[in-house]
Amino acid sequence: MSVGLFNYWVVMFLMMTGFYIVMASRNLIKKMVGLSLFQTSVFILYITMAKISGGTAPILAGPGTTYSNPLPHVLILTAIVVGVATMALGMAIIIRINDEYGTIEEDEILSIDASD
């Protein structure tokens, strides 16, 4: 395995792990953890693709200088803020579900709804 591709292997592992947790777990907290792992893998993917070997910050230097594009990093900072807000809202909704149904297991919630 090439060291240059290591980040992509990490991204794929995190992405598939997060996706599996979201799809296979019936616990709402575990689904939120899987969603967080999936988001993290996307962040790492964008940051990995944005890095240019030998690139510097886009500050005027001499001619022929290779610059790294700052836009992907700015977008990831915004995505992190949105991810934290999404996680907080999801957890708040799970707390309300737990207050209403007394459980955070999806199967039990569906059976309670079916019996009503």
C-alpha atoms as a PDB file:
ATOM      1  CA  MET A   1       0.000   0.000   0.000  1.00  0.00           C
ATOM      2  CA  SER A   2       1.388   3.338  -1.025  1.00  0.00           C
ATOM      3  CA  VAL A   3       1.857   5.998   1.637  1.00  0.00           C
ATOM      4  CA  GLY A   4       0.426   8.554  -0.821  1.00  0.00           C
ATOM      5  CA  LEU A   5      -2.884   6.702  -0.870  1.00  0.00           C
ATOM      6  CA  PHE A   6      -3.098   6.124   2.888  1.00  0.00           C
ATOM      7  CA  ASN A   7      -5.517   9.035   3.447  1.00  0.00           C
ATOM      8  CA  TYR A   8      -7.876   7.641   0.818  1.00  0.00           C
ATOM      9  CA  TRP A   9      -7.875   4.238   2.526  1.00  0.00           C
ATOM     10  CA  VAL A  10      -8.676   5.923   5.838  1.00  0.00           C
ATOM     11  CA  VAL A  11     -11.502   7.864   4.150  1.00  0.00           C
ATOM     12  CA  MET A  12     -12.974   4.709   2.647  1.00  0.00           C
ATOM     13  CA  PHE A  13     -12.737   2.828   5.948  1.00  0.00           C
ATOM     14  CA  LEU A  14     -14.418   5.629   7.910  1.00  0.00           C
ATOM     15  CA  MET A  15     -17.043   6.150   5.231  1.00  0.00           C
ATOM     16  CA  MET A  16     -18.016   2.494   5.018  1.00  0.00           C
ATOM     17  CA  THR A  17     -17.943   2.092   8.802  1.00  0.00           C
ATOM     18  CA  GLY A  18     -20.198   5.115   9.286  1.00  0.00           C
ATOM     19  CA  PHE A  19     -22.548   3.972   6.536  1.00  0.00           C
ATOM     20  CA  TYR A  20     -22.756   0.476   8.020  1.00  0.00           C
ATOM     21  CA  ILE A  21     -23.525   1.838  11.488  1.00  0.00           C
ATOM     22  CA  VAL A  22     -26.286   4.084  10.126  1.00  0.00           C
ATOM     23  CA  MET A  23     -27.874   1.254   8.130  1.00  0.00           C
ATOM     24  CA  ALA A  24     -27.426  -1.669  10.542  1.00  0.00           C
ATOM     25  CA  SER A  25     -28.038  -0.117  13.940  1.00  0.00           C
ATOM     26  CA  ARG A  26     -31.527   0.282  15.373  1.00  0.00           C
ATOM     27  CA  ASN A  27     -30.334   2.544  18.205  1.00  0.00           C
ATOM     28  CA  LEU A  28     -30.788   6.241  17.420  1.00  0.00           C
ATOM     29  CA  ILE A  29     -27.625   7.341  19.284  1.00  0.00           C
ATOM     30  CA  LYS A  30     -25.544   4.808  17.349  1.00  0.00           C
ATOM     31  CA  LYS A  31     -27.056   6.137  14.113  1.00  0.00           C
ATOM     32  CA  MET A  32     -25.894   9.634  15.067  1.00  0.00           C
ATOM     33  CA  VAL A  33     -22.377   8.323  15.762  1.00  0.00           C
ATOM     34  CA  GLY A  34     -22.368   6.619  12.343  1.00  0.00           C
ATOM     35  CA  LEU A  35     -23.496   9.849  10.706  1.00  0.00           C
ATOM     36  CA  SER A  36     -20.669  11.700  12.467  1.00  0.00           C
ATOM     37  CA  LEU A  37     -18.112   9.155  11.217  1.00  0.00           C
ATOM     38  CA  PHE A  38     -19.442   9.528   7.684  1.00  0.00           C
ATOM     39  CA  GLN A  39     -19.185  13.328   7.908  1.00  0.00           C
ATOM     40  CA  THR A  40     -15.639  13.085   9.222  1.00  0.00           C
ATOM     41  CA  SER A  41     -14.624  10.900   6.290  1.00  0.00           C
ATOM     42  CA  VAL A  42     -15.944  13.507   3.855  1.00  0.00           C
ATOM     43  CA  PHE A  43     -13.990  16.234   5.660  1.00  0.00           C
ATOM     44  CA  ILE A  44     -10.776  14.213   5.412  1.00  0.00           C
ATOM     45  CA  LEU A  45     -11.437  13.501   1.718  1.00  0.00           C
ATOM     46  CA  TYR A  46     -11.840  17.180   0.844  1.00  0.00           C
ATOM     47  CA  ILE A  47      -8.795  18.234   2.845  1.00  0.00           C
ATOM     48  CA  THR A  48      -6.700  15.461   1.266  1.00  0.00           C
ATOM     49  CA  MET A  49      -7.707  16.481  -2.253  1.00  0.00           C
ATOM     50  CA  ALA A  50      -7.022  20.161  -1.539  1.00  0.00           C
ATOM     51  CA  LYS A  51      -3.386  19.674  -0.488  1.00  0.00           C
ATOM     52  CA  ILE A  52      -0.843  20.410  -3.183  1.00  0.00           C
ATOM     53  CA  SER A  53       2.720  19.177  -2.734  1.00  0.00           C
ATOM     54  CA  GLY A  54       5.017  22.146  -2.398  1.00  0.00           C
ATOM     55  CA  GLY A  55       2.096  24.561  -2.327  1.00  0.00           C
ATOM     56  CA  THR A  56       2.172  27.544  -0.023  1.00  0.00           C
ATOM     57  CA  ALA A  57      -0.460  29.862   1.401  1.00  0.00           C
ATOM     58  CA  PRO A  58      -1.901  32.168  -1.258  1.00  0.00           C
ATOM     59  CA  ILE A  59       0.108  35.188  -0.192  1.00  0.00           C
ATOM     60  CA  LEU A  60       1.938  37.091  -2.873  1.00  0.00           C
ATOM     61  CA  ALA A  61       5.483  35.835  -3.164  1.00  0.00           C
ATOM     62  CA  GLY A  62       7.730  35.607  -6.149  1.00  0.00           C
ATOM     63  CA  PRO A  63       6.773  34.573  -9.662  1.00  0.00           C
ATOM     64  CA  GLY A  64       6.408  30.860 -10.281  1.00  0.00           C
ATOM     65  CA  THR A  65       5.229  30.100  -6.737  1.00  0.00           C
ATOM     66  CA  THR A  66       2.765  27.224  -6.373  1.00  0.00           C
ATOM     67  CA  TYR A  67      -0.220  28.105  -4.233  1.00  0.00           C
ATOM     68  CA  SER A  68      -2.625  25.849  -2.390  1.00  0.00           C
ATOM     69  CA  ASN A  69      -6.298  26.648  -2.919  1.00  0.00           C
ATOM     70  CA  PRO A  70      -7.824  27.833   0.399  1.00  0.00           C
ATOM     71  CA  LEU A  71     -11.436  27.372  -0.737  1.00  0.00           C
ATOM     72  CA  PRO A  72     -11.775  23.655   0.220  1.00  0.00           C
ATOM     73  CA  HIS A  73     -10.456  24.394   3.710  1.00  0.00           C
ATOM     74  CA  VAL A  74     -12.954  27.216   4.158  1.00  0.00           C
ATOM     75  CA  LEU A  75     -15.760  24.964   2.964  1.00  0.00           C
ATOM     76  CA  ILE A  76     -14.718  22.277   5.450  1.00  0.00           C
ATOM     77  CA  LEU A  77     -14.763  24.793   8.307  1.00  0.00           C
ATOM     78  CA  THR A  78     -18.332  25.664   7.326  1.00  0.00           C
ATOM     79  CA  ALA A  79     -19.222  21.979   7.043  1.00  0.00           C
ATOM     80  CA  ILE A  80     -17.835  21.307  10.525  1.00  0.00           C
ATOM     81  CA  VAL A  81     -20.072  24.022  11.973  1.00  0.00           C
ATOM     82  CA  VAL A  82     -23.087  22.609  10.130  1.00  0.00           C
ATOM     83  CA  GLY A  83     -22.147  19.100  11.308  1.00  0.00           C
ATOM     84  CA  VAL A  84     -21.997  20.190  14.950  1.00  0.00           C
ATOM     85  CA  ALA A  85     -25.361  21.927  14.623  1.00  0.00           C
ATOM     86  CA  THR A  86     -26.859  18.847  12.966  1.00  0.00           C
ATOM     87  CA  MET A  87     -25.495  16.623  15.719  1.00  0.00           C
ATOM     88  CA  ALA A  88     -26.895  18.909  18.432  1.00  0.00           C
ATOM     89  CA  LEU A  89     -30.323  19.025  16.786  1.00  0.00           C
ATOM     90  CA  GLY A  90     -30.332  15.256  16.273  1.00  0.00           C
ATOM     91  CA  MET A  91     -29.447  14.626  19.898  1.00  0.00           C
ATOM     92  CA  ALA A  92     -32.156  17.053  21.046  1.00  0.00           C
ATOM     93  CA  ILE A  93     -34.718  15.213  18.936  1.00  0.00           C
ATOM     94  CA  ILE A  94     -33.534  11.870  20.344  1.00  0.00           C
ATOM     95  CA  ILE A  95     -33.984  13.233  23.887  1.00  0.00           C
ATOM     96  CA  ARG A  96     -37.553  14.255  23.015  1.00  0.00           C
ATOM     97  CA  ILE A  97     -38.219  10.819  21.490  1.00  0.00           C
ATOM     98  CA  ASN A  98     -36.876   9.180  24.652  1.00  0.00           C
ATOM     99  CA  ASP A  99     -39.144  11.392  26.796  1.00  0.00           C
ATOM    100  CA  GLU A 100     -42.179  10.482  24.689  1.00  0.00           C
ATOM    101  CA  TYR A 101     -41.593   6.755  24.108  1.00  0.00           C
ATOM    102  CA  GLY A 102     -39.220   5.807  26.932  1.00  0.00           C
ATOM    103  CA  THR A 103     -36.748   4.232  24.509  1.00  0.00           C
ATOM    104  CA  ILE A 104     -34.331   5.112  21.712  1.00  0.00           C
ATOM    105  CA  GLU A 105     -34.551   1.729  19.974  1.00  0.00           C
ATOM    106  CA  GLU A 106     -36.217   2.075  16.577  1.00  0.00           C
ATOM    107  CA  ASP A 107     -37.989  -1.302  16.734  1.00  0.00           C
ATOM    108  CA  GLU A 108     -39.586  -0.511  20.102  1.00  0.00           C
ATOM    109  CA  ILE A 109     -40.718   2.919  18.909  1.00  0.00           C
ATOM    110  CA  LEU A 110     -42.350   1.389  15.829  1.00  0.00           C
ATOM    111  CA  SER A 111     -44.100  -1.280  17.918  1.00  0.00           C
ATOM    112  CA  ILE A 112     -45.416   1.371  20.326  1.00  0.00           C
ATOM    113  CA  ASP A 113     -46.743   3.392  17.396  1.00  0.00           C
ATOM    114  CA  ALA A 114     -48.334   0.300  15.837  1.00  0.00           C
ATOM    115  CA  SER A 115     -50.144  -0.607  19.043  1.00  0.00           C
ATOM    116  CA  ASP A 116     -51.698   2.866  19.406  1.00  0.00           C
END
